[in-house]
């Protein structure tokens, strides 16, 4: 090995990617993204966890895929998340079906037995008759946290009147003990929730959820690149996002930190500008 190669090796031993992040003044941000598994195989999921678990707030095993998959695979996925100290939440669809079919108790028992940390509740395509407090109490008794999804899956974009209703509904669920509220956007972010027929984002309506409940308790579904960027552009790096595909998580996180070319021009996303050298700071003319 040449002298130059040895010097490179010594430098490589001392340097890490976190050193560059610090030098670029990229702030340390606690995990605020909840990606979802729509039915990946366990090995693919495990690979994403190895790469990105430190950027995840909670992992959603989504839709009802985990119920029809081989149960050993579902257990393997949950165990892989737990190895990274990452909580796991179910998608809201199977909760709604279980309630409609009169099998909520069995559903809760199964979620607890498999090792889920939290369940998602909602009225996206059904209507609940039970009080939120009753559902939260039964979930909590099994060691399960609860989050509630606001909005109908087939109800179109939110109107101001609909947002009024959802704010009242969200307050009831938080008062009952739900830990977070999820704002519906499905898989398209078009003609649903905060997004119009053309995918245009309604920041004025989104602001009302944050004003009412704060960043810690509101999570916006952002299943597409335009929806992800629109929410981050508007709210900045503190906004919580979910329904992010695992293979899109790193793109979301570089955008959140102002490292993406489209984010760098946004003052609320780009890293703080470095201070001017002392010589330049003192060179002003009197």
C-alpha atoms as a PDB file:
ATOM      1  CA  UNK A   1       0.000   0.000   0.000  1.00  0.00           C
ATOM      2  CA  UNK A   2       1.374   3.392  -0.987  1.00  0.00           C
ATOM      3  CA  UNK A   3       1.739   6.302   1.437  1.00  0.00           C
ATOM      4  CA  UNK A   4      -1.184   8.101  -0.213  1.00  0.00           C
ATOM      5  CA  UNK A   5      -3.412   5.021   0.025  1.00  0.00           C
ATOM      6  CA  UNK A   6      -2.531   4.586   3.684  1.00  0.00           C
ATOM      7  CA  UNK A   7      -3.427   8.227   4.361  1.00  0.00           C
ATOM      8  CA  UNK A   8      -6.797   7.733   2.662  1.00  0.00           C
ATOM      9  CA  UNK A   9      -7.470   4.646   4.764  1.00  0.00           C
ATOM     10  CA  UNK A  10      -6.601   6.474   7.995  1.00  0.00           C
ATOM     11  CA  UNK A  11      -8.883   9.349   7.029  1.00  0.00           C
ATOM     12  CA  UNK A  12     -11.686   6.940   6.136  1.00  0.00           C
ATOM     13  CA  UNK A  13     -11.402   5.364   9.585  1.00  0.00           C
ATOM     14  CA  UNK A  14     -11.899   8.760  11.192  1.00  0.00           C
ATOM     15  CA  UNK A  15     -14.697  10.161   9.004  1.00  0.00           C
ATOM     16  CA  UNK A  16     -18.378   9.257   8.884  1.00  0.00           C
ATOM     17  CA  UNK A  17     -21.424  10.560   7.038  1.00  0.00           C
ATOM     18  CA  UNK A  18     -22.622  12.205  10.263  1.00  0.00           C
ATOM     19  CA  UNK A  19     -19.505  14.380  10.164  1.00  0.00           C
ATOM     20  CA  UNK A  20     -20.535  15.813   6.808  1.00  0.00           C
ATOM     21  CA  UNK A  21     -24.109  16.342   7.999  1.00  0.00           C
ATOM     22  CA  UNK A  22     -22.798  18.330  10.948  1.00  0.00           C
ATOM     23  CA  UNK A  23     -20.445  20.362   8.749  1.00  0.00           C
ATOM     24  CA  UNK A  24     -23.336  21.146   6.382  1.00  0.00           C
ATOM     25  CA  UNK A  25     -25.313  22.322   9.443  1.00  0.00           C
ATOM     26  CA  UNK A  26     -28.086  19.826   8.806  1.00  0.00           C
ATOM     27  CA  UNK A  27     -30.110  19.730  12.035  1.00  0.00           C
ATOM     28  CA  UNK A  28     -30.693  16.508  13.899  1.00  0.00           C
ATOM     29  CA  UNK A  29     -34.380  15.664  13.534  1.00  0.00           C
ATOM     30  CA  UNK A  30     -36.179  13.039  15.576  1.00  0.00           C
ATOM     31  CA  UNK A  31     -38.039  10.492  13.421  1.00  0.00           C
ATOM     32  CA  UNK A  32     -41.275  11.965  12.062  1.00  0.00           C
ATOM     33  CA  UNK A  33     -42.131   9.614   9.212  1.00  0.00           C
ATOM     34  CA  UNK A  34     -44.280   6.486   9.375  1.00  0.00           C
ATOM     35  CA  UNK A  35     -43.573   4.361   6.289  1.00  0.00           C
ATOM     36  CA  UNK A  36     -45.789   1.442   5.379  1.00  0.00           C
ATOM     37  CA  UNK A  37     -45.337  -2.118   4.239  1.00  0.00           C
ATOM     38  CA  UNK A  38     -48.010  -2.920   1.626  1.00  0.00           C
ATOM     39  CA  UNK A  39     -46.935  -6.573   1.421  1.00  0.00           C
ATOM     40  CA  UNK A  40     -43.190  -6.784   0.889  1.00  0.00           C
ATOM     41  CA  UNK A  41     -41.474 -10.070   1.641  1.00  0.00           C
ATOM     42  CA  UNK A  42     -39.792 -10.223   5.071  1.00  0.00           C
ATOM     43  CA  UNK A  43     -36.258 -10.057   3.654  1.00  0.00           C
ATOM     44  CA  UNK A  44     -37.020  -6.876   1.702  1.00  0.00           C
ATOM     45  CA  UNK A  45     -38.574  -5.285   4.761  1.00  0.00           C
ATOM     46  CA  UNK A  46     -35.608  -6.313   6.922  1.00  0.00           C
ATOM     47  CA  UNK A  47     -33.231  -4.710   4.435  1.00  0.00           C
ATOM     48  CA  UNK A  48     -35.106  -1.414   4.570  1.00  0.00           C
ATOM     49  CA  UNK A  49     -35.065  -1.532   8.359  1.00  0.00           C
ATOM     50  CA  UNK A  50     -31.304  -2.074   8.380  1.00  0.00           C
ATOM     51  CA  UNK A  51     -30.923   0.966   6.152  1.00  0.00           C
ATOM     52  CA  UNK A  52     -33.513   3.355   7.525  1.00  0.00           C
ATOM     53  CA  UNK A  53     -35.086   2.287  10.838  1.00  0.00           C
ATOM     54  CA  UNK A  54     -33.384   5.234  12.570  1.00  0.00           C
ATOM     55  CA  UNK A  55     -35.494   7.561  10.404  1.00  0.00           C
ATOM     56  CA  UNK A  56     -38.843   5.912  11.201  1.00  0.00           C
ATOM     57  CA  UNK A  57     -41.235   6.906  13.967  1.00  0.00           C
ATOM     58  CA  UNK A  58     -43.424   3.823  13.589  1.00  0.00           C
ATOM     59  CA  UNK A  59     -43.842   1.148  10.906  1.00  0.00           C
ATOM     60  CA  UNK A  60     -47.279   0.438   9.494  1.00  0.00           C
ATOM     61  CA  UNK A  61     -48.030  -3.106   8.330  1.00  0.00           C
ATOM     62  CA  UNK A  62     -50.679  -1.883   5.990  1.00  0.00           C
ATOM     63  CA  UNK A  63     -54.083  -2.861   4.695  1.00  0.00           C
ATOM     64  CA  UNK A  64     -55.166  -6.421   5.471  1.00  0.00           C
ATOM     65  CA  UNK A  65     -52.193  -8.032   3.717  1.00  0.00           C
ATOM     66  CA  UNK A  66     -50.732  -9.303   6.987  1.00  0.00           C
ATOM     67  CA  UNK A  67     -53.894 -11.298   7.718  1.00  0.00           C
ATOM     68  CA  UNK A  68     -53.833 -13.317   4.493  1.00  0.00           C
ATOM     69  CA  UNK A  69     -50.024 -13.655   4.303  1.00  0.00           C
ATOM     70  CA  UNK A  70     -48.322 -16.648   5.862  1.00  0.00           C
ATOM     71  CA  UNK A  71     -48.398 -15.815   9.554  1.00  0.00           C
ATOM     72  CA  UNK A  72     -44.736 -16.746   9.964  1.00  0.00           C
ATOM     73  CA  UNK A  73     -43.833 -13.936   7.583  1.00  0.00           C
ATOM     74  CA  UNK A  74     -45.913 -11.431   9.531  1.00  0.00           C
ATOM     75  CA  UNK A  75     -44.263 -12.499  12.782  1.00  0.00           C
ATOM     76  CA  UNK A  76     -40.854 -12.203  11.137  1.00  0.00           C
ATOM     77  CA  UNK A  77     -41.610  -8.639  10.043  1.00  0.00           C
ATOM     78  CA  UNK A  78     -42.824  -7.569  13.474  1.00  0.00           C
ATOM     79  CA  UNK A  79     -39.788  -9.181  15.118  1.00  0.00           C
ATOM     80  CA  UNK A  80     -37.454  -7.387  12.696  1.00  0.00           C
ATOM     81  CA  UNK A  81     -39.004  -4.042  13.629  1.00  0.00           C
ATOM     82  CA  UNK A  82     -38.716  -4.818  17.339  1.00  0.00           C
ATOM     83  CA  UNK A  83     -35.019  -5.608  16.877  1.00  0.00           C
ATOM     84  CA  UNK A  84     -34.630  -1.939  15.929  1.00  0.00           C
ATOM     85  CA  UNK A  85     -36.835  -0.788  18.836  1.00  0.00           C
ATOM     86  CA  UNK A  86     -39.362   0.310  16.228  1.00  0.00           C
ATOM     87  CA  UNK A  87     -43.070   0.127  17.130  1.00  0.00           C
ATOM     88  CA  UNK A  88     -45.479  -1.407  14.614  1.00  0.00           C
ATOM     89  CA  UNK A  89     -49.044  -0.316  13.819  1.00  0.00           C
ATOM     90  CA  UNK A  90     -51.756  -2.023  11.801  1.00  0.00           C
ATOM     91  CA  UNK A  91     -53.563  -0.324   8.945  1.00  0.00           C
ATOM     92  CA  UNK A  92     -57.113   0.859   9.580  1.00  0.00           C
ATOM     93  CA  UNK A  93     -58.901  -1.303   7.017  1.00  0.00           C
ATOM     94  CA  UNK A  94     -59.004  -4.573   8.974  1.00  0.00           C
ATOM     95  CA  UNK A  95     -60.191  -2.705  12.078  1.00  0.00           C
ATOM     96  CA  UNK A  96     -63.211  -1.388  10.174  1.00  0.00           C
ATOM     97  CA  UNK A  97     -64.030  -4.809   8.711  1.00  0.00           C
ATOM     98  CA  UNK A  98     -63.666  -6.468  12.119  1.00  0.00           C
ATOM     99  CA  UNK A  99     -66.032  -3.974  13.732  1.00  0.00           C
ATOM    100  CA  UNK A 100     -68.587  -4.280  10.930  1.00  0.00           C
ATOM    101  CA  UNK A 101     -68.482  -8.078  11.252  1.00  0.00           C
ATOM    102  CA  UNK A 102     -68.814  -8.034  15.032  1.00  0.00           C
ATOM    103  CA  UNK A 103     -65.275  -9.349  15.635  1.00  0.00           C
ATOM    104  CA  UNK A 104     -63.505  -6.455  17.314  1.00  0.00           C
ATOM    105  CA  UNK A 105     -62.552  -8.496  20.395  1.00  0.00           C
ATOM    106  CA  UNK A 106     -60.924 -11.218  18.293  1.00  0.00           C
ATOM    107  CA  UNK A 107     -59.155  -8.608  16.188  1.00  0.00           C
ATOM    108  CA  UNK A 108     -57.713  -6.891  19.257  1.00  0.00           C
ATOM    109  CA  UNK A 109     -56.645 -10.214  20.734  1.00  0.00           C
ATOM    110  CA  UNK A 110     -54.846 -11.167  17.525  1.00  0.00           C
ATOM    111  CA  UNK A 111     -53.059  -7.808  17.191  1.00  0.00           C
ATOM    112  CA  UNK A 112     -51.788  -8.119  20.752  1.00  0.00           C
ATOM    113  CA  UNK A 113     -50.798 -11.771  20.320  1.00  0.00           C
ATOM    114  CA  UNK A 114     -48.760 -11.069  17.173  1.00  0.00           C
ATOM    115  CA  UNK A 115     -46.836  -8.239  18.833  1.00  0.00           C
ATOM    116  CA  UNK A 116     -48.301  -5.095  17.291  1.00  0.00           C
ATOM    117  CA  UNK A 117     -47.699  -1.939  19.300  1.00  0.00           C
ATOM    118  CA  UNK A 118     -50.668   0.073  18.070  1.00  0.00           C
ATOM    119  CA  UNK A 119     -53.815  -0.201  15.991  1.00  0.00           C
ATOM    120  CA  UNK A 120     -55.297   2.321  13.610  1.00  0.00           C
ATOM    121  CA  UNK A 121     -59.006   2.951  13.939  1.00  0.00           C
ATOM    122  CA  UNK A 122     -61.206   4.841  11.513  1.00  0.00           C
ATOM    123  CA  UNK A 123     -64.468   5.298   9.678  1.00  0.00           C
ATOM    124  CA  UNK A 124     -63.025   5.466   6.195  1.00  0.00           C
ATOM    125  CA  UNK A 125     -65.627   3.166   4.627  1.00  0.00           C
ATOM    126  CA  UNK A 126     -67.840   2.186   7.579  1.00  0.00           C
ATOM    127  CA  UNK A 127     -69.595   3.991  10.431  1.00  0.00           C
ATOM    128  CA  UNK A 128     -68.818   3.282  14.072  1.00  0.00           C
ATOM    129  CA  UNK A 129     -71.576   2.981  16.628  1.00  0.00           C
ATOM    130  CA  UNK A 130     -69.343   2.503  19.661  1.00  0.00           C
ATOM    131  CA  UNK A 131     -67.901   5.381  21.635  1.00  0.00           C
ATOM    132  CA  UNK A 132     -64.166   6.088  21.185  1.00  0.00           C
ATOM    133  CA  UNK A 133     -63.535   5.623  24.915  1.00  0.00           C
ATOM    134  CA  UNK A 134     -64.866   2.059  24.809  1.00  0.00           C
ATOM    135  CA  UNK A 135     -62.625   1.087  21.901  1.00  0.00           C
ATOM    136  CA  UNK A 136     -59.534   2.762  23.333  1.00  0.00           C
ATOM    137  CA  UNK A 137     -60.126   1.166  26.735  1.00  0.00           C
ATOM    138  CA  UNK A 138     -60.301  -2.331  25.275  1.00  0.00           C
ATOM    139  CA  UNK A 139     -57.219  -1.786  23.134  1.00  0.00           C
ATOM    140  CA  UNK A 140     -55.258  -0.337  26.051  1.00  0.00           C
ATOM    141  CA  UNK A 141     -56.191  -3.323  28.216  1.00  0.00           C
ATOM    142  CA  UNK A 142     -54.306  -5.479  25.692  1.00  0.00           C
ATOM    143  CA  UNK A 143     -51.254  -3.224  25.639  1.00  0.00           C
ATOM    144  CA  UNK A 144     -52.201  -1.624  22.319  1.00  0.00           C
ATOM    145  CA  UNK A 145     -52.017   2.091  21.582  1.00  0.00           C
ATOM    146  CA  UNK A 146     -54.614   3.688  19.289  1.00  0.00           C
ATOM    147  CA  UNK A 147     -54.436   6.175  16.458  1.00  0.00           C
ATOM    148  CA  UNK A 148     -57.509   7.393  14.570  1.00  0.00           C
ATOM    149  CA  UNK A 149     -57.787   8.244  10.898  1.00  0.00           C
ATOM    150  CA  UNK A 150     -59.885  11.268   9.992  1.00  0.00           C
ATOM    151  CA  UNK A 151     -61.771  11.333   6.685  1.00  0.00           C
ATOM    152  CA  UNK A 152     -63.687   9.069   4.346  1.00  0.00           C
ATOM    153  CA  UNK A 153     -61.853   7.077   1.689  1.00  0.00           C
ATOM    154  CA  UNK A 154     -64.580   7.626  -0.895  1.00  0.00           C
ATOM    155  CA  UNK A 155     -65.881  11.002   0.280  1.00  0.00           C
ATOM    156  CA  UNK A 156     -63.852  13.244  -2.008  1.00  0.00           C
ATOM    157  CA  UNK A 157     -61.844  16.289  -0.998  1.00  0.00           C
ATOM    158  CA  UNK A 158     -62.514  17.983   2.325  1.00  0.00           C
ATOM    159  CA  UNK A 159     -64.760  21.011   2.468  1.00  0.00           C
ATOM    160  CA  UNK A 160     -64.544  23.613   5.230  1.00  0.00           C
ATOM    161  CA  UNK A 161     -67.712  22.177   6.754  1.00  0.00           C
ATOM    162  CA  UNK A 162     -66.233  18.657   6.665  1.00  0.00           C
ATOM    163  CA  UNK A 163     -63.081  19.892   8.392  1.00  0.00           C
ATOM    164  CA  UNK A 164     -65.253  21.364  11.165  1.00  0.00           C
ATOM    165  CA  UNK A 165     -66.788  17.927  11.688  1.00  0.00           C
ATOM    166  CA  UNK A 166     -63.427  16.159  11.605  1.00  0.00           C
ATOM    167  CA  UNK A 167     -61.919  18.539  14.146  1.00  0.00           C
ATOM    168  CA  UNK A 168     -64.731  17.714  16.557  1.00  0.00           C
ATOM    169  CA  UNK A 169     -64.308  13.996  15.864  1.00  0.00           C
ATOM    170  CA  UNK A 170     -60.559  14.195  16.384  1.00  0.00           C
ATOM    171  CA  UNK A 171     -61.044  15.954  19.715  1.00  0.00           C
ATOM    172  CA  UNK A 172     -63.311  13.138  20.908  1.00  0.00           C
ATOM    173  CA  UNK A 173     -60.735  10.473  20.033  1.00  0.00           C
ATOM    174  CA  UNK A 174     -57.855  12.350  21.646  1.00  0.00           C
ATOM    175  CA  UNK A 175     -59.933  12.893  24.767  1.00  0.00           C
ATOM    176  CA  UNK A 176     -60.596   9.143  24.784  1.00  0.00           C
ATOM    177  CA  UNK A 177     -56.858   8.390  24.759  1.00  0.00           C
ATOM    178  CA  UNK A 178     -55.851   8.116  21.094  1.00  0.00           C
ATOM    179  CA  UNK A 179     -52.218   9.127  20.655  1.00  0.00           C
ATOM    180  CA  UNK A 180     -52.350  10.548  17.120  1.00  0.00           C
ATOM    181  CA  UNK A 181     -54.750  11.560  14.356  1.00  0.00           C
ATOM    182  CA  UNK A 182     -54.086  10.503  10.753  1.00  0.00           C
ATOM    183  CA  UNK A 183     -55.352  12.715   7.906  1.00  0.00           C
ATOM    184  CA  UNK A 184     -56.671  10.580   5.037  1.00  0.00           C
ATOM    185  CA  UNK A 185     -55.103  10.744   1.546  1.00  0.00           C
ATOM    186  CA  UNK A 186     -55.333   7.091   0.408  1.00  0.00           C
ATOM    187  CA  UNK A 187     -52.753   5.915  -2.152  1.00  0.00           C
ATOM    188  CA  UNK A 188     -53.340   8.673  -4.705  1.00  0.00           C
ATOM    189  CA  UNK A 189     -53.606  12.036  -2.879  1.00  0.00           C
ATOM    190  CA  UNK A 190     -56.178  13.023  -5.498  1.00  0.00           C
ATOM    191  CA  UNK A 191     -59.845  13.841  -4.883  1.00  0.00           C
ATOM    192  CA  UNK A 192     -59.437  12.883  -1.250  1.00  0.00           C
ATOM    193  CA  UNK A 193     -58.766  14.695   1.992  1.00  0.00           C
ATOM    194  CA  UNK A 194     -56.618  17.793   1.558  1.00  0.00           C
ATOM    195  CA  UNK A 195     -56.013  17.167  -2.150  1.00  0.00           C
ATOM    196  CA  UNK A 196     -58.206  18.219  -5.083  1.00  0.00           C
ATOM    197  CA  UNK A 197     -59.023  16.395  -8.306  1.00  0.00           C
ATOM    198  CA  UNK A 198     -55.737  17.564  -9.830  1.00  0.00           C
ATOM    199  CA  UNK A 199     -53.769  16.709  -6.694  1.00  0.00           C
ATOM    200  CA  UNK A 200     -53.555  20.350  -5.611  1.00  0.00           C
ATOM    201  CA  UNK A 201     -52.852  20.694  -1.891  1.00  0.00           C
ATOM    202  CA  UNK A 202     -55.087  22.805   0.369  1.00  0.00           C
ATOM    203  CA  UNK A 203     -52.713  24.353   2.919  1.00  0.00           C
ATOM    204  CA  UNK A 204     -55.474  26.483   4.469  1.00  0.00           C
ATOM    205  CA  UNK A 205     -57.358  23.343   5.509  1.00  0.00           C
ATOM    206  CA  UNK A 206     -54.190  21.547   6.610  1.00  0.00           C
ATOM    207  CA  UNK A 207     -53.351  24.478   8.879  1.00  0.00           C
ATOM    208  CA  UNK A 208     -56.600  23.998  10.767  1.00  0.00           C
ATOM    209  CA  UNK A 209     -55.586  20.507  11.922  1.00  0.00           C
ATOM    210  CA  UNK A 210     -52.190  21.718  13.127  1.00  0.00           C
ATOM    211  CA  UNK A 211     -53.697  24.783  14.797  1.00  0.00           C
ATOM    212  CA  UNK A 212     -56.182  22.558  16.632  1.00  0.00           C
ATOM    213  CA  UNK A 213     -53.968  19.627  17.626  1.00  0.00           C
ATOM    214  CA  UNK A 214     -50.301  20.498  17.021  1.00  0.00           C
ATOM    215  CA  UNK A 215     -47.496  18.766  15.135  1.00  0.00           C
ATOM    216  CA  UNK A 216     -47.033  15.970  17.658  1.00  0.00           C
ATOM    217  CA  UNK A 217     -50.573  14.619  17.343  1.00  0.00           C
ATOM    218  CA  UNK A 218     -51.313  15.105  13.619  1.00  0.00           C
ATOM    219  CA  UNK A 219     -49.873  12.870  10.893  1.00  0.00           C
ATOM    220  CA  UNK A 220     -50.615  13.569   7.228  1.00  0.00           C
ATOM    221  CA  UNK A 221     -50.836  10.747   4.717  1.00  0.00           C
ATOM    222  CA  UNK A 222     -48.501  11.605   1.839  1.00  0.00           C
ATOM    223  CA  UNK A 223     -48.432   8.673  -0.584  1.00  0.00           C
ATOM    224  CA  UNK A 224     -46.996  10.494  -3.617  1.00  0.00           C
ATOM    225  CA  UNK A 225     -43.967  12.642  -4.327  1.00  0.00           C
ATOM    226  CA  UNK A 226     -46.050  15.814  -4.984  1.00  0.00           C
ATOM    227  CA  UNK A 227     -48.013  15.354  -1.747  1.00  0.00           C
ATOM    228  CA  UNK A 228     -44.837  14.735   0.265  1.00  0.00           C
ATOM    229  CA  UNK A 229     -43.076  17.793  -1.122  1.00  0.00           C
ATOM    230  CA  UNK A 230     -46.167  20.018  -0.771  1.00  0.00           C
ATOM    231  CA  UNK A 231     -46.577  19.197   2.914  1.00  0.00           C
ATOM    232  CA  UNK A 232     -42.876  19.671   3.669  1.00  0.00           C
ATOM    233  CA  UNK A 233     -42.714  22.902   1.658  1.00  0.00           C
ATOM    234  CA  UNK A 234     -45.627  24.301   3.616  1.00  0.00           C
ATOM    235  CA  UNK A 235     -44.941  23.090   7.145  1.00  0.00           C
ATOM    236  CA  UNK A 236     -41.187  22.573   7.133  1.00  0.00           C
ATOM    237  CA  UNK A 237     -39.236  19.698   8.694  1.00  0.00           C
ATOM    238  CA  UNK A 238     -41.398  19.266  11.811  1.00  0.00           C
ATOM    239  CA  UNK A 239     -44.443  17.878   9.968  1.00  0.00           C
ATOM    240  CA  UNK A 240     -45.255  14.196  10.497  1.00  0.00           C
ATOM    241  CA  UNK A 241     -45.937  12.120   7.374  1.00  0.00           C
ATOM    242  CA  UNK A 242     -47.208   8.587   6.840  1.00  0.00           C
ATOM    243  CA  UNK A 243     -48.173   6.186   4.028  1.00  0.00           C
ATOM    244  CA  UNK A 244     -44.674   6.631   2.617  1.00  0.00           C
ATOM    245  CA  UNK A 245     -43.489   3.633   0.642  1.00  0.00           C
ATOM    246  CA  UNK A 246     -40.324   2.147   2.122  1.00  0.00           C
ATOM    247  CA  UNK A 247     -38.328   2.763  -1.051  1.00  0.00           C
ATOM    248  CA  UNK A 248     -39.323   6.465  -0.920  1.00  0.00           C
ATOM    249  CA  UNK A 249     -38.372   7.077   2.712  1.00  0.00           C
ATOM    250  CA  UNK A 250     -34.819   8.269   2.087  1.00  0.00           C
ATOM    251  CA  UNK A 251     -36.026  10.733  -0.560  1.00  0.00           C
ATOM    252  CA  UNK A 252     -38.515  12.166   1.926  1.00  0.00           C
ATOM    253  CA  UNK A 253     -35.829  12.472   4.583  1.00  0.00           C
ATOM    254  CA  UNK A 254     -33.290  14.255   2.394  1.00  0.00           C
ATOM    255  CA  UNK A 255     -36.078  16.635   1.372  1.00  0.00           C
ATOM    256  CA  UNK A 256     -36.985  17.164   5.042  1.00  0.00           C
ATOM    257  CA  UNK A 257     -33.348  18.099   5.734  1.00  0.00           C
ATOM    258  CA  UNK A 258     -32.926  20.439   2.768  1.00  0.00           C
ATOM    259  CA  UNK A 259     -30.535  18.096   0.970  1.00  0.00           C
ATOM    260  CA  UNK A 260     -32.790  17.602  -2.064  1.00  0.00           C
ATOM    261  CA  UNK A 261     -32.334  20.023  -4.949  1.00  0.00           C
ATOM    262  CA  UNK A 262     -35.999  21.070  -4.821  1.00  0.00           C
ATOM    263  CA  UNK A 263     -35.854  21.681  -1.066  1.00  0.00           C
ATOM    264  CA  UNK A 264     -32.616  23.636  -0.879  1.00  0.00           C
ATOM    265  CA  UNK A 265     -34.253  26.844  -2.133  1.00  0.00           C
ATOM    266  CA  UNK A 266     -36.865  26.785   0.660  1.00  0.00           C
ATOM    267  CA  UNK A 267     -35.687  28.773   3.665  1.00  0.00           C
ATOM    268  CA  UNK A 268     -37.771  26.636   6.018  1.00  0.00           C
ATOM    269  CA  UNK A 269     -36.019  23.465   4.819  1.00  0.00           C
ATOM    270  CA  UNK A 270     -32.456  24.290   3.780  1.00  0.00           C
ATOM    271  CA  UNK A 271     -29.770  24.020   6.462  1.00  0.00           C
ATOM    272  CA  UNK A 272     -28.866  27.295   8.209  1.00  0.00           C
ATOM    273  CA  UNK A 273     -26.448  29.374   6.226  1.00  0.00           C
ATOM    274  CA  UNK A 274     -22.890  29.312   7.600  1.00  0.00           C
ATOM    275  CA  UNK A 275     -21.754  32.474   9.387  1.00  0.00           C
ATOM    276  CA  UNK A 276     -19.654  34.869   7.395  1.00  0.00           C
ATOM    277  CA  UNK A 277     -15.899  34.717   8.098  1.00  0.00           C
ATOM    278  CA  UNK A 278     -14.811  37.125  10.834  1.00  0.00           C
ATOM    279  CA  UNK A 279     -12.803  39.215   8.382  1.00  0.00           C
ATOM    280  CA  UNK A 280     -15.911  39.832   6.268  1.00  0.00           C
ATOM    281  CA  UNK A 281     -18.125  40.531   9.283  1.00  0.00           C
ATOM    282  CA  UNK A 282     -15.850  43.342  10.363  1.00  0.00           C
ATOM    283  CA  UNK A 283     -15.296  44.852   6.906  1.00  0.00           C
ATOM    284  CA  UNK A 284     -18.397  47.038   6.787  1.00  0.00           C
ATOM    285  CA  UNK A 285     -17.813  50.682   5.929  1.00  0.00           C
ATOM    286  CA  UNK A 286     -18.686  53.317   8.482  1.00  0.00           C
END
